[in-house]
PDB file of all heavy atoms in Angstrom:
ATOM      1  N   LEU A   1      -9.352  -2.487  -8.608  1.00  0.00           N
ATOM      2  CA  LEU A   1      -9.843  -3.158  -7.479  1.00  0.00           C
ATOM      3  C   LEU A   1     -10.473  -2.087  -6.469  1.00  0.00           C
ATOM      4  O   LEU A   1     -11.535  -2.221  -5.975  1.00  0.00           O
ATOM      5  CB  LEU A   1      -8.881  -4.204  -6.791  1.00  0.00           C
ATOM      6  CG  LEU A   1      -9.484  -4.887  -5.687  1.00  0.00           C
ATOM      7  CD1 LEU A   1      -8.864  -6.355  -5.715  1.00  0.00           C
ATOM      8  CD2 LEU A   1      -9.421  -4.425  -4.322  1.00  0.00           C
ATOM      9  N   ALA A   2      -9.619  -1.108  -6.228  1.00  0.00           N
ATOM     10  CA  ALA A   2     -10.068  -0.091  -5.307  1.00  0.00           C
ATOM     11  C   ALA A   2     -11.260   0.711  -5.817  1.00  0.00           C
ATOM     12  O   ALA A   2     -12.175   0.991  -5.046  1.00  0.00           O
ATOM     13  CB  ALA A   2      -8.866   0.876  -4.980  1.00  0.00           C
ATOM     14  N   ALA A   3     -11.365   0.983  -7.130  1.00  0.00           N
ATOM     15  CA  ALA A   3     -12.322   1.737  -7.655  1.00  0.00           C
ATOM     16  C   ALA A   3     -13.714   0.941  -7.730  1.00  0.00           C
ATOM     17  O   ALA A   3     -14.716   1.595  -7.549  1.00  0.00           O
ATOM     18  CB  ALA A   3     -11.966   2.068  -9.158  1.00  0.00           C
ATOM     19  N   HIS A   4     -13.648  -0.386  -7.784  1.00  0.00           N
ATOM     20  CA  HIS A   4     -14.734  -1.257  -7.768  1.00  0.00           C
ATOM     21  C   HIS A   4     -15.206  -1.580  -6.200  1.00  0.00           C
ATOM     22  O   HIS A   4     -16.455  -2.063  -6.127  1.00  0.00           O
ATOM     23  CB  HIS A   4     -14.467  -2.570  -8.423  1.00  0.00           C
ATOM     24  CG  HIS A   4     -14.567  -2.475  -9.939  1.00  0.00           C
ATOM     25  ND1 HIS A   4     -13.489  -1.953 -10.609  1.00  0.00           N
ATOM     26  CD2 HIS A   4     -15.508  -2.790 -10.894  1.00  0.00           C
ATOM     27  CE1 HIS A   4     -13.688  -2.013 -11.987  1.00  0.00           C
ATOM     28  NE2 HIS A   4     -14.939  -2.431 -12.164  1.00  0.00           N
ATOM     29  N   ALA A   5     -14.435  -1.338  -5.378  1.00  0.00           N
ATOM     30  CA  ALA A   5     -14.761  -1.617  -3.868  1.00  0.00           C
ATOM     31  C   ALA A   5     -15.693  -0.605  -3.276  1.00  0.00           C
ATOM     32  O   ALA A   5     -15.888   0.417  -3.777  1.00  0.00           O
ATOM     33  CB  ALA A   5     -13.494  -1.814  -3.080  1.00  0.00           C
ATOM     34  N   GLY A   6     -16.238  -1.031  -2.213  1.00  0.00           N
ATOM     35  CA  GLY A   6     -17.104  -0.060  -1.443  1.00  0.00           C
ATOM     36  C   GLY A   6     -16.270   0.838  -0.404  1.00  0.00           C
ATOM     37  O   GLY A   6     -14.924   0.801  -0.469  1.00  0.00           O
ATOM     38  N   PRO A   7     -16.966   1.564   0.244  1.00  0.00           N
ATOM     39  CA  PRO A   7     -16.168   2.663   1.231  1.00  0.00           C
ATOM     40  C   PRO A   7     -15.406   2.033   2.319  1.00  0.00           C
ATOM     41  O   PRO A   7     -14.680   2.698   3.025  1.00  0.00           O
ATOM     42  CB  PRO A   7     -17.405   3.506   1.729  1.00  0.00           C
ATOM     43  CG  PRO A   7     -18.635   2.615   1.614  1.00  0.00           C
ATOM     44  CD  PRO A   7     -18.386   1.741   0.392  1.00  0.00           C
ATOM     45  N   ASN A   8     -15.646   0.601   2.541  1.00  0.00           N
ATOM     46  CA  ASN A   8     -14.871   0.015   3.677  1.00  0.00           C
ATOM     47  C   ASN A   8     -13.497  -0.373   3.221  1.00  0.00           C
ATOM     48  O   ASN A   8     -12.708  -0.762   4.071  1.00  0.00           O
ATOM     49  CB  ASN A   8     -15.590  -1.311   4.014  1.00  0.00           C
ATOM     50  CG  ASN A   8     -15.804  -2.216   2.951  1.00  0.00           C
ATOM     51  OD1 ASN A   8     -16.460  -1.945   1.869  1.00  0.00           O
ATOM     52  ND2 ASN A   8     -15.369  -3.493   2.974  1.00  0.00           N
ATOM     53  N   LEU A   9     -13.111  -0.133   2.053  1.00  0.00           N
ATOM     54  CA  LEU A   9     -11.797  -0.444   1.511  1.00  0.00           C
ATOM     55  C   LEU A   9     -11.009   0.881   1.359  1.00  0.00           C
ATOM     56  O   LEU A   9     -11.521   1.762   0.803  1.00  0.00           O
ATOM     57  CB  LEU A   9     -11.767  -1.229   0.192  1.00  0.00           C
ATOM     58  CG  LEU A   9     -10.339  -1.659  -0.303  1.00  0.00           C
ATOM     59  CD1 LEU A   9     -10.463  -2.939  -1.027  1.00  0.00           C
ATOM     60  CD2 LEU A   9      -9.861  -0.563  -1.318  1.00  0.00           C
ATOM     61  N   THR A  10      -9.907   0.880   1.977  1.00  0.00           N
ATOM     62  CA  THR A  10      -8.879   2.139   1.928  1.00  0.00           C
ATOM     63  C   THR A  10      -7.550   1.702   1.180  1.00  0.00           C
ATOM     64  O   THR A  10      -6.938   0.721   1.475  1.00  0.00           O
ATOM     65  CB  THR A  10      -8.436   2.446   3.356  1.00  0.00           C
ATOM     66  OG1 THR A  10      -9.831   2.801   4.123  1.00  0.00           O
ATOM     67  CG2 THR A  10      -7.654   3.704   3.263  1.00  0.00           C
ATOM     68  N   LEU A  11      -7.353   2.541   0.056  1.00  0.00           N
ATOM     69  CA  LEU A  11      -6.078   2.372  -0.599  1.00  0.00           C
ATOM     70  C   LEU A  11      -5.018   3.299  -0.027  1.00  0.00           C
ATOM     71  O   LEU A  11      -5.173   4.373   0.030  1.00  0.00           O
ATOM     72  CB  LEU A  11      -6.307   2.617  -2.074  1.00  0.00           C
ATOM     73  CG  LEU A  11      -5.182   2.685  -3.007  1.00  0.00           C
ATOM     74  CD1 LEU A  11      -4.477   1.342  -2.944  1.00  0.00           C
ATOM     75  CD2 LEU A  11      -5.415   3.136  -4.439  1.00  0.00           C
ATOM     76  N   HIS A  12      -3.929   2.619   0.161  1.00  0.00           N
ATOM     77  CA  HIS A  12      -2.839   3.387   0.843  1.00  0.00           C
ATOM     78  C   HIS A  12      -1.586   3.123  -0.155  1.00  0.00           C
ATOM     79  O   HIS A  12      -1.015   1.979  -0.390  1.00  0.00           O
ATOM     80  CB  HIS A  12      -2.409   2.860   2.184  1.00  0.00           C
ATOM     81  CG  HIS A  12      -1.321   3.819   2.877  1.00  0.00           C
ATOM     82  ND1 HIS A  12      -1.157   3.828   4.262  1.00  0.00           N
ATOM     83  CD2 HIS A  12      -0.438   4.612   2.334  1.00  0.00           C
ATOM     84  CE1 HIS A  12      -0.183   4.710   4.524  1.00  0.00           C
ATOM     85  NE2 HIS A  12       0.249   5.170   3.402  1.00  0.00           N
ATOM     86  N   GLU A  13      -1.189   4.109  -0.973  1.00  0.00           N
ATOM     87  CA  GLU A  13      -0.144   4.037  -1.794  1.00  0.00           C
ATOM     88  C   GLU A  13       1.176   4.531  -1.232  1.00  0.00           C
ATOM     89  O   GLU A  13       1.210   5.539  -0.578  1.00  0.00           O
ATOM     90  CB  GLU A  13      -0.439   4.852  -3.094  1.00  0.00           C
ATOM     91  CG  GLU A  13      -1.517   4.173  -3.932  1.00  0.00           C
ATOM     92  CD  GLU A  13      -1.581   4.794  -5.331  1.00  0.00           C
ATOM     93  OE1 GLU A  13      -2.152   5.818  -5.479  1.00  0.00           O
ATOM     94  OE2 GLU A  13      -1.183   4.077  -6.349  1.00  0.00           O
ATOM     95  N   PHE A  14       2.312   3.973  -1.661  1.00  0.00           N
ATOM     96  CA  PHE A  14       3.646   4.342  -1.187  1.00  0.00           C
ATOM     97  C   PHE A  14       4.372   4.789  -2.409  1.00  0.00           C
ATOM     98  O   PHE A  14       4.927   3.963  -3.211  1.00  0.00           O
ATOM     99  CB  PHE A  14       4.214   3.295  -0.377  1.00  0.00           C
ATOM    100  CG  PHE A  14       3.644   2.852   0.787  1.00  0.00           C
ATOM    101  CD1 PHE A  14       2.519   1.749   0.797  1.00  0.00           C
ATOM    102  CD2 PHE A  14       3.771   3.409   2.081  1.00  0.00           C
ATOM    103  CE1 PHE A  14       1.841   1.431   1.885  1.00  0.00           C
ATOM    104  CE2 PHE A  14       3.114   3.023   3.204  1.00  0.00           C
ATOM    105  CZ  PHE A  14       2.161   1.992   3.123  1.00  0.00           C
ATOM    106  N   PRO A  15       4.739   6.088  -2.495  1.00  0.00           N
ATOM    107  CA  PRO A  15       5.391   6.517  -3.764  1.00  0.00           C
ATOM    108  C   PRO A  15       6.697   5.923  -3.969  1.00  0.00           C
ATOM    109  O   PRO A  15       7.590   5.891  -3.040  1.00  0.00           O
ATOM    110  CB  PRO A  15       5.544   8.025  -3.491  1.00  0.00           C
ATOM    111  CG  PRO A  15       4.432   8.357  -2.590  1.00  0.00           C
ATOM    112  CD  PRO A  15       4.239   7.145  -1.712  1.00  0.00           C
ATOM    113  N   GLY A  16       6.912   5.178  -5.142  1.00  0.00           N
ATOM    114  CA  GLY A  16       8.267   4.723  -5.576  1.00  0.00           C
ATOM    115  C   GLY A  16       8.497   3.381  -4.994  1.00  0.00           C
ATOM    116  O   GLY A  16       9.441   2.713  -5.270  1.00  0.00           O
ATOM    117  N   ALA A  17       7.727   2.796  -4.018  1.00  0.00           N
ATOM    118  CA  ALA A  17       7.997   1.586  -3.385  1.00  0.00           C
ATOM    119  C   ALA A  17       7.848   0.421  -4.408  1.00  0.00           C
ATOM    120  O   ALA A  17       6.984   0.459  -5.195  1.00  0.00           O
ATOM    121  CB  ALA A  17       7.142   1.421  -2.142  1.00  0.00           C
ATOM    122  N   TYR A  18       8.596  -0.726  -4.089  1.00  0.00           N
ATOM    123  CA  TYR A  18       8.605  -1.825  -4.879  1.00  0.00           C
ATOM    124  C   TYR A  18       7.500  -2.801  -4.474  1.00  0.00           C
ATOM    125  O   TYR A  18       6.719  -2.465  -3.613  1.00  0.00           O
ATOM    126  CB  TYR A  18      10.000  -2.470  -4.897  1.00  0.00           C
ATOM    127  CG  TYR A  18      10.909  -1.848  -5.725  1.00  0.00           C
ATOM    128  CD1 TYR A  18      10.793  -0.537  -6.416  1.00  0.00           C
ATOM    129  CD2 TYR A  18      12.178  -2.475  -6.119  1.00  0.00           C
ATOM    130  CE1 TYR A  18      11.657   0.035  -7.313  1.00  0.00           C
ATOM    131  CE2 TYR A  18      13.073  -1.845  -6.969  1.00  0.00           C
ATOM    132  CZ  TYR A  18      12.814  -0.622  -7.636  1.00  0.00           C
ATOM    133  OH  TYR A  18      13.745  -0.025  -8.504  1.00  0.00           O
ATOM    134  N   HIS A  19       7.590  -4.056  -4.893  1.00  0.00           N
ATOM    135  CA  HIS A  19       6.609  -5.011  -4.651  1.00  0.00           C
ATOM    136  C   HIS A  19       6.346  -5.487  -3.340  1.00  0.00           C
ATOM    137  O   HIS A  19       5.253  -5.496  -2.723  1.00  0.00           O
ATOM    138  CB  HIS A  19       6.831  -6.274  -5.591  1.00  0.00           C
ATOM    139  CG  HIS A  19       5.827  -7.290  -5.639  1.00  0.00           C
ATOM    140  ND1 HIS A  19       4.574  -6.992  -6.021  1.00  0.00           N
ATOM    141  CD2 HIS A  19       5.828  -8.636  -5.232  1.00  0.00           C
ATOM    142  CE1 HIS A  19       3.880  -8.026  -5.851  1.00  0.00           C
ATOM    143  NE2 HIS A  19       4.542  -9.045  -5.423  1.00  0.00           N
ATOM    144  N   CYS A  20       7.373  -5.945  -2.652  1.00  0.00           N
ATOM    145  CA  CYS A  20       7.318  -6.537  -1.270  1.00  0.00           C
ATOM    146  C   CYS A  20       7.361  -5.473  -0.323  1.00  0.00           C
ATOM    147  O   CYS A  20       8.528  -5.090   0.284  1.00  0.00           O
ATOM    148  CB  CYS A  20       8.282  -7.646  -0.862  1.00  0.00           C
ATOM    149  SG  CYS A  20       8.052  -8.437   0.520  1.00  0.00           S
ATOM    150  N   LEU A  21       6.256  -4.696   0.017  1.00  0.00           N
ATOM    151  CA  LEU A  21       6.391  -3.456   0.811  1.00  0.00           C
ATOM    152  C   LEU A  21       6.941  -3.625   2.218  1.00  0.00           C
ATOM    153  O   LEU A  21       7.596  -2.886   2.753  1.00  0.00           O
ATOM    154  CB  LEU A  21       4.915  -2.931   0.847  1.00  0.00           C
ATOM    155  CG  LEU A  21       4.327  -2.470  -0.404  1.00  0.00           C
ATOM    156  CD1 LEU A  21       2.800  -2.074  -0.305  1.00  0.00           C
ATOM    157  CD2 LEU A  21       5.079  -1.185  -0.968  1.00  0.00           C
ATOM    158  N   HIS A  22       6.679  -4.861   2.795  1.00  0.00           N
ATOM    159  CA  HIS A  22       6.927  -5.019   4.170  1.00  0.00           C
ATOM    160  C   HIS A  22       8.439  -5.431   4.298  1.00  0.00           C
ATOM    161  O   HIS A  22       8.979  -5.513   5.427  1.00  0.00           O
ATOM    162  CB  HIS A  22       6.211  -6.159   4.899  1.00  0.00           C
ATOM    163  CG  HIS A  22       6.288  -7.480   4.339  1.00  0.00           C
ATOM    164  ND1 HIS A  22       5.305  -8.096   3.581  1.00  0.00           N
ATOM    165  CD2 HIS A  22       7.328  -8.374   4.452  1.00  0.00           C
ATOM    166  CE1 HIS A  22       5.772  -9.348   3.253  1.00  0.00           C
ATOM    167  NE2 HIS A  22       6.895  -9.581   3.707  1.00  0.00           N
ATOM    168  N   ALA A  23       9.139  -5.595   3.105  1.00  0.00           N
ATOM    169  CA  ALA A  23      10.542  -5.794   3.124  1.00  0.00           C
ATOM    170  C   ALA A  23      11.327  -4.680   2.255  1.00  0.00           C
ATOM    171  O   ALA A  23      12.464  -4.886   1.991  1.00  0.00           O
ATOM    172  CB  ALA A  23      10.857  -7.209   2.550  1.00  0.00           C
ATOM    173  N   ASP A  24      10.593  -3.692   1.932  1.00  0.00           N
ATOM    174  CA  ASP A  24      11.185  -2.642   1.113  1.00  0.00           C
ATOM    175  C   ASP A  24      11.978  -1.628   2.039  1.00  0.00           C
ATOM    176  O   ASP A  24      11.882  -1.801   3.292  1.00  0.00           O
ATOM    177  CB  ASP A  24      10.133  -1.835   0.303  1.00  0.00           C
ATOM    178  CG  ASP A  24      10.746  -1.287  -0.915  1.00  0.00           C
ATOM    179  OD1 ASP A  24      11.784  -1.515  -1.365  1.00  0.00           O
ATOM    180  OD2 ASP A  24       9.987  -0.327  -1.421  1.00  0.00           O
ATOM    181  N   SER A  25      12.642  -0.611   1.536  1.00  0.00           N
ATOM    182  CA  SER A  25      13.365   0.313   2.256  1.00  0.00           C
ATOM    183  C   SER A  25      12.468   1.162   3.105  1.00  0.00           C
ATOM    184  O   SER A  25      13.019   1.869   4.084  1.00  0.00           O
ATOM    185  CB  SER A  25      14.160   1.048   1.333  1.00  0.00           C
ATOM    186  OG  SER A  25      13.394   1.843   0.270  1.00  0.00           O
ATOM    187  N   ASN A  26      11.267   1.283   2.807  1.00  0.00           N
ATOM    188  CA  ASN A  26      10.405   2.038   3.609  1.00  0.00           C
ATOM    189  C   ASN A  26       9.417   1.057   4.585  1.00  0.00           C
ATOM    190  O   ASN A  26       8.257   1.525   4.855  1.00  0.00           O
ATOM    191  CB  ASN A  26       9.494   2.992   2.836  1.00  0.00           C
ATOM    192  CG  ASN A  26       8.478   2.134   1.895  1.00  0.00           C
ATOM    193  OD1 ASN A  26       8.890   1.017   1.437  1.00  0.00           O
ATOM    194  ND2 ASN A  26       7.279   2.560   1.698  1.00  0.00           N
ATOM    195  N   ARG A  27       9.909  -0.058   4.869  1.00  0.00           N
ATOM    196  CA  ARG A  27       9.143  -1.044   5.419  1.00  0.00           C
ATOM    197  C   ARG A  27       8.655  -0.585   6.832  1.00  0.00           C
ATOM    198  O   ARG A  27       7.418  -1.064   7.297  1.00  0.00           O
ATOM    199  CB  ARG A  27       9.867  -2.432   5.692  1.00  0.00           C
ATOM    200  CG  ARG A  27      11.133  -2.307   6.471  1.00  0.00           C
ATOM    201  CD  ARG A  27      11.836  -3.652   6.424  1.00  0.00           C
ATOM    202  NE  ARG A  27      13.073  -3.702   7.073  1.00  0.00           N
ATOM    203  CZ  ARG A  27      14.208  -3.366   6.384  1.00  0.00           C
ATOM    204  NH1 ARG A  27      14.290  -2.906   5.075  1.00  0.00           N
ATOM    205  NH2 ARG A  27      15.394  -3.340   6.957  1.00  0.00           N
ATOM    206  N   GLN A  28       9.301   0.303   7.462  1.00  0.00           N
ATOM    207  CA  GLN A  28       8.808   0.729   8.803  1.00  0.00           C
ATOM    208  C   GLN A  28       7.437   1.564   8.736  1.00  0.00           C
ATOM    209  O   GLN A  28       6.559   1.341   9.472  1.00  0.00           O
ATOM    210  CB  GLN A  28       9.902   1.615   9.570  1.00  0.00           C
ATOM    211  CG  GLN A  28       9.425   1.975  11.035  1.00  0.00           C
ATOM    212  CD  GLN A  28       9.261   0.718  11.814  1.00  0.00           C
ATOM    213  OE1 GLN A  28      10.303  -0.053  11.906  1.00  0.00           O
ATOM    214  NE2 GLN A  28       8.197   0.520  12.639  1.00  0.00           N
ATOM    215  N   GLU A  29       7.401   2.404   7.668  1.00  0.00           N
ATOM    216  CA  GLU A  29       6.266   3.105   7.357  1.00  0.00           C
ATOM    217  C   GLU A  29       5.102   2.102   6.911  1.00  0.00           C
ATOM    218  O   GLU A  29       3.858   2.322   7.424  1.00  0.00           O
ATOM    219  CB  GLU A  29       6.535   4.028   6.274  1.00  0.00           C
ATOM    220  CG  GLU A  29       5.300   4.881   5.808  1.00  0.00           C
ATOM    221  CD  GLU A  29       5.484   5.567   4.372  1.00  0.00           C
ATOM    222  OE1 GLU A  29       6.580   5.391   3.767  1.00  0.00           O
ATOM    223  OE2 GLU A  29       4.615   6.464   4.099  1.00  0.00           O
ATOM    224  N   VAL A  30       5.394   1.131   6.214  1.00  0.00           N
ATOM    225  CA  VAL A  30       4.418   0.157   5.839  1.00  0.00           C
ATOM    226  C   VAL A  30       3.816  -0.650   6.914  1.00  0.00           C
ATOM    227  O   VAL A  30       2.566  -0.782   7.108  1.00  0.00           O
ATOM    228  CB  VAL A  30       4.985  -0.889   4.737  1.00  0.00           C
ATOM    229  CG1 VAL A  30       3.929  -1.973   4.391  1.00  0.00           C
ATOM    230  CG2 VAL A  30       5.378  -0.066   3.486  1.00  0.00           C
ATOM    231  N   LEU A  31       4.790  -1.177   7.852  1.00  0.00           N
ATOM    232  CA  LEU A  31       4.326  -1.906   8.932  1.00  0.00           C
ATOM    233  C   LEU A  31       3.521  -1.153   9.922  1.00  0.00           C
ATOM    234  O   LEU A  31       2.568  -1.519  10.484  1.00  0.00           O
ATOM    235  CB  LEU A  31       5.484  -2.598   9.570  1.00  0.00           C
ATOM    236  CG  LEU A  31       6.235  -3.696   8.758  1.00  0.00           C
ATOM    237  CD1 LEU A  31       7.524  -4.140   9.362  1.00  0.00           C
ATOM    238  CD2 LEU A  31       5.254  -4.884   8.634  1.00  0.00           C
TER     239      LEU A  31
END
């Protein structure tokens, strides 16, 4: 999806994080 999108889309990946990012152990960084 990110590869097909235009420059207005930003992909932010979180190494090792699980599915529900806003409830994961790194949720402060996500939020």
